[in-house]
Protein backbone atom coordinates (compact mmCIF):
# COMPACT_ATOMS: atom_id res chain seq x y z
CA UNK A 1 114.58 -38.54 -51.28
CA UNK A 2 116.93 -41.20 -52.08
CA UNK A 3 117.09 -43.12 -48.53
CA UNK A 4 119.81 -46.42 -48.29
CA UNK A 5 119.33 -48.18 -44.97
CA UNK A 6 122.24 -50.24 -44.45
CA UNK A 7 121.98 -53.61 -42.38
CA UNK A 8 125.36 -54.59 -40.75
CA UNK A 9 126.88 -58.42 -40.04
CA UNK A 10 127.43 -60.35 -36.79
CA UNK A 11 129.19 -58.70 -34.11
CA UNK A 12 129.64 -55.47 -35.37
CA UNK A 13 128.19 -51.72 -34.64
CA UNK A 14 125.95 -50.24 -37.06
CA UNK A 15 128.77 -48.79 -39.11
CA UNK A 16 129.96 -52.24 -40.11
CA UNK A 17 133.41 -51.38 -38.98
CA UNK A 18 133.70 -48.35 -41.14
CA UNK A 19 132.14 -50.11 -44.48
CA UNK A 20 128.95 -48.43 -44.51
CA UNK A 21 130.64 -45.21 -43.81
CA UNK A 22 132.71 -45.35 -46.52
CA UNK A 23 129.73 -46.04 -48.66
CA UNK A 24 127.77 -43.34 -47.25
CA UNK A 25 130.78 -41.05 -48.50
CA UNK A 26 130.27 -41.72 -51.91
CA UNK A 27 126.51 -40.71 -51.81
CA UNK A 28 126.53 -37.17 -50.41
CA UNK A 29 122.91 -36.77 -51.85
CA UNK A 30 121.13 -39.78 -49.84
CA UNK A 31 119.59 -39.84 -46.92
CA UNK A 32 121.67 -42.95 -44.93
CA UNK A 33 120.11 -44.61 -42.14
CA UNK A 34 122.20 -46.59 -39.76
CA UNK A 35 121.10 -48.61 -36.97
CA UNK A 36 122.37 -51.29 -34.60
CA UNK A 37 120.64 -54.88 -34.40
CA UNK A 38 122.40 -55.42 -30.90
CA UNK A 39 122.72 -54.03 -27.48
CA UNK A 40 125.78 -52.35 -26.56
CA UNK A 41 127.15 -51.57 -22.69
CA UNK A 42 129.35 -48.96 -23.41
CA UNK A 43 130.30 -49.06 -19.71
CA UNK A 44 131.80 -52.69 -20.34
CA UNK A 45 132.19 -52.51 -23.60
CA UNK A 46 130.37 -55.69 -24.13
CA UNK A 47 128.07 -56.33 -26.83
CA UNK A 48 125.00 -58.76 -26.32
CA UNK A 49 123.73 -60.36 -29.83
CA UNK A 50 120.03 -60.49 -30.59
CA UNK A 51 118.52 -63.30 -32.17
CA UNK A 52 118.02 -63.33 -35.80
CA UNK A 53 114.09 -62.81 -35.20
CA UNK A 54 114.85 -59.62 -33.25
CA UNK A 55 116.80 -58.67 -35.91
CA UNK A 56 114.39 -59.11 -38.56
CA UNK A 57 111.88 -57.29 -36.49
CA UNK A 58 114.25 -53.98 -36.10
CA UNK A 59 114.96 -53.89 -39.71
CA UNK A 60 111.34 -54.21 -40.43
CA UNK A 61 110.12 -51.32 -38.24
CA UNK A 62 113.33 -48.88 -39.86
CA UNK A 63 112.23 -50.06 -43.46
CA UNK A 64 108.09 -49.40 -42.38
CA UNK A 65 109.58 -45.98 -40.68
CA UNK A 66 111.17 -44.66 -43.76
CA UNK A 67 108.42 -45.53 -45.59
CA UNK A 68 105.75 -43.70 -43.47
CA UNK A 69 108.04 -40.77 -43.41
CA UNK A 70 108.99 -40.24 -46.82
CA UNK A 71 106.15 -42.56 -48.86
CA UNK A 72 107.58 -41.24 -52.18
CA UNK A 73 111.26 -41.91 -51.39
CA UNK A 74 113.53 -44.31 -52.96
CA UNK A 75 114.72 -46.78 -50.50
CA UNK A 76 117.46 -49.23 -51.32
CA UNK A 77 119.11 -51.71 -48.89
CA UNK A 78 122.69 -52.10 -48.48
CA UNK A 79 123.77 -55.34 -46.75
CA UNK A 80 126.91 -57.05 -45.14
CA UNK A 81 126.96 -60.47 -44.24
CA UNK A 82 124.45 -61.80 -41.96
CA UNK A 83 122.99 -58.41 -42.70
CA UNK A 84 121.75 -59.77 -46.38
CA UNK A 85 120.12 -62.75 -44.29
CA UNK A 86 118.11 -60.63 -42.38
CA UNK A 87 117.01 -58.46 -45.86
CA UNK A 88 115.74 -61.74 -46.84
CA UNK A 89 114.35 -62.55 -43.85
CA UNK A 90 112.39 -59.51 -44.10
CA UNK A 91 111.31 -59.62 -47.35
CA UNK A 92 110.59 -55.73 -47.66
CA UNK A 93 107.92 -53.89 -49.63
CA UNK A 94 108.56 -51.11 -52.01
CA UNK A 95 112.18 -51.66 -52.12
CA UNK A 96 113.89 -50.73 -56.07
CA UNK A 97 117.32 -52.01 -55.44
CA UNK A 98 119.33 -54.32 -52.89
CA UNK A 99 123.05 -54.62 -52.88
CA UNK A 100 124.34 -57.93 -50.72
CA UNK A 101 128.53 -57.15 -49.90
CA UNK A 102 130.08 -60.74 -48.86
CA UNK A 103 126.73 -62.47 -48.14
CA UNK A 104 126.28 -66.23 -46.65
CA UNK A 105 124.80 -68.83 -49.08
CA UNK A 106 123.12 -72.20 -48.21
CA UNK A 107 125.56 -73.12 -45.39
CA UNK A 108 124.67 -70.43 -43.14
CA UNK A 109 121.84 -71.91 -41.70
CA UNK A 110 122.70 -76.00 -42.07
CA UNK A 111 124.84 -77.94 -39.87
CA UNK A 112 127.52 -75.58 -39.06
CA UNK A 113 125.95 -74.37 -35.48
CA UNK A 114 128.61 -76.92 -33.83
CA UNK A 115 131.23 -76.01 -35.84
CA UNK A 116 130.82 -72.11 -35.50
CA UNK A 117 130.18 -72.52 -31.61
CA UNK A 118 133.70 -74.76 -30.83
CA UNK A 119 135.43 -72.24 -33.30
CA UNK A 120 134.57 -69.39 -30.74
CA UNK A 121 135.21 -71.60 -27.87
CA UNK A 122 138.39 -72.33 -28.90
CA UNK A 123 139.31 -68.70 -28.80
CA UNK A 124 141.31 -67.42 -25.82
CA UNK A 125 139.36 -66.22 -22.87
CA UNK A 126 136.10 -67.71 -24.12
CA UNK A 127 133.37 -69.43 -21.86
CA UNK A 128 130.21 -70.85 -22.18
CA UNK A 129 127.65 -71.44 -19.16
CA UNK A 130 125.44 -73.98 -18.79
CA UNK A 131 122.22 -72.34 -20.52
CA UNK A 132 123.93 -72.15 -23.78
CA UNK A 133 125.47 -68.60 -23.33
CA UNK A 134 128.86 -67.93 -25.06
CA UNK A 135 130.94 -65.15 -24.07
CA UNK A 136 134.38 -64.33 -25.71
CA UNK A 137 136.72 -61.41 -25.73
CA UNK A 138 137.26 -59.58 -29.06
CA UNK A 139 140.56 -58.59 -30.60
CA UNK A 140 139.01 -54.87 -30.56
CA UNK A 141 138.82 -55.12 -26.83
CA UNK A 142 135.74 -55.85 -26.61
CA UNK A 143 133.59 -58.84 -24.92
CA UNK A 144 130.46 -60.37 -26.83
CA UNK A 145 128.07 -62.21 -25.22
CA UNK A 146 126.12 -64.51 -27.77
CA UNK A 147 122.97 -66.06 -25.82
CA UNK A 148 121.38 -69.80 -27.03
CA UNK A 149 118.57 -67.82 -28.53
CA UNK A 150 120.80 -66.77 -31.24
CA UNK A 151 121.66 -70.03 -32.28
CA UNK A 152 118.35 -71.28 -32.36
CA UNK A 153 117.11 -68.79 -34.52
CA UNK A 154 119.78 -69.29 -37.12
CA UNK A 155 118.74 -73.35 -37.09
CA UNK A 156 117.21 -74.40 -40.51
CA UNK A 157 117.44 -71.11 -42.21
CA UNK A 158 117.75 -71.54 -46.04
CA UNK A 159 119.44 -68.39 -47.18
CA UNK A 160 119.56 -69.00 -51.00
CA UNK A 161 115.81 -69.70 -50.70
CA UNK A 162 115.11 -66.35 -49.02
CA UNK A 163 117.62 -64.70 -51.61
CA UNK A 164 115.44 -66.17 -54.75
CA UNK A 165 112.03 -64.69 -52.89
CA UNK A 166 113.95 -61.46 -52.40
CA UNK A 167 115.10 -61.25 -56.27
CA UNK A 168 111.04 -61.60 -56.78
CA UNK A 169 110.66 -58.12 -55.46
CA UNK A 170 113.59 -56.00 -55.64
CA UNK A 171 116.83 -55.84 -58.05
CA UNK A 172 119.25 -57.88 -56.06
CA UNK A 173 123.24 -57.38 -56.67
CA UNK A 174 125.82 -60.00 -55.18
CA UNK A 175 129.10 -59.03 -54.66
CA UNK A 176 131.72 -61.67 -53.47
CA UNK A 177 134.66 -61.82 -51.49
CA UNK A 178 136.97 -63.65 -53.30
CA UNK A 179 139.11 -64.26 -50.35
CA UNK A 180 136.38 -64.03 -47.88
CA UNK A 181 138.30 -65.67 -44.38
CA UNK A 182 135.16 -65.13 -42.58
CA UNK A 183 132.40 -67.43 -44.56
CA UNK A 184 134.88 -69.16 -47.30
CA UNK A 185 133.98 -69.55 -50.63
CA UNK A 186 130.36 -68.90 -51.63
CA UNK A 187 128.03 -70.35 -54.41
CA UNK A 188 124.75 -68.30 -55.73
CA UNK A 189 124.49 -70.58 -58.89
CA UNK A 190 121.28 -71.47 -57.97
CA UNK A 191 119.84 -68.09 -57.87
CA UNK A 192 117.71 -66.77 -61.09
CA UNK A 193 119.75 -65.20 -63.89
CA UNK A 194 117.96 -61.73 -62.98
CA UNK A 195 120.53 -61.40 -60.26
CA UNK A 196 123.57 -59.57 -61.04
CA UNK A 197 126.69 -61.40 -58.97
CA UNK A 198 130.15 -60.16 -59.26
CA UNK A 199 133.06 -61.03 -57.52
CA UNK A 200 135.99 -58.64 -56.20
CA UNK A 201 139.59 -59.57 -54.91
CA UNK A 202 139.52 -58.90 -51.19
CA UNK A 203 138.69 -60.11 -47.79
CA UNK A 204 135.20 -60.39 -45.89
CA UNK A 205 135.10 -56.82 -44.67
CA UNK A 206 136.60 -55.09 -47.90
CA UNK A 207 139.47 -53.92 -46.33
CA UNK A 208 142.54 -51.84 -47.76
CA UNK A 209 142.37 -50.86 -51.32
CA UNK A 210 139.00 -52.59 -51.60
CA UNK A 211 136.99 -50.29 -49.52
CA UNK A 212 137.33 -47.75 -51.75
CA UNK A 213 136.70 -49.76 -54.78
CA UNK A 214 133.50 -51.30 -53.23
CA UNK A 215 132.35 -48.15 -51.90
CA UNK A 216 132.63 -46.53 -55.22
CA UNK A 217 131.12 -49.63 -57.20
CA UNK A 218 127.87 -49.17 -54.78
CA UNK A 219 127.54 -45.57 -55.75
CA UNK A 220 127.47 -46.25 -59.34
CA UNK A 221 124.74 -49.05 -58.84
CA UNK A 222 122.41 -46.88 -56.56
CA UNK A 223 122.90 -44.02 -58.93
CA UNK A 224 121.93 -45.81 -62.23
């Protein structure tokens, strides 16, 4: 059995805005595992973002459950954006390959929190309460709530260090988005040469023609 565990990014549902669904369609023989890191209230269309520690706990449980249920299975995580950091935080055992799509680099946890908070507060309708919880409407009609515990959990995270550690445990493949409008230009030159890196001419969510291209590429890598 071949299990692919999908680790989604910040503020989206388990399918990664359709990115993971597109990839899974290219892999008809796998057992796809998609799950939500955050709580979503369907009645109010509101997502409450969990801390990174809670994210890591959930991913660890998903990996452990897959391993217990199918001890002989090949398990490959496919991660997007912040979901890459979560996988690196967990450092799961018994993983064959790990594919990172548009992962953040060293800047993820250092000195950018206030900048990111202010960028969200600048959005129309965004508010922040006295406890630091931030609430803002999104273009898809949903509302996102980010408690202060989320920002605290990001503080001091060295993503590159975590990726380096993960690369010693699994075959790590990184796909950068050359026109990443969310996290900007990324630098992975500090990672060991064993890490395979490539860039695609697309934005952060691999939209348009890039979606099919990245789905086919991931399928090829996991088939090898």
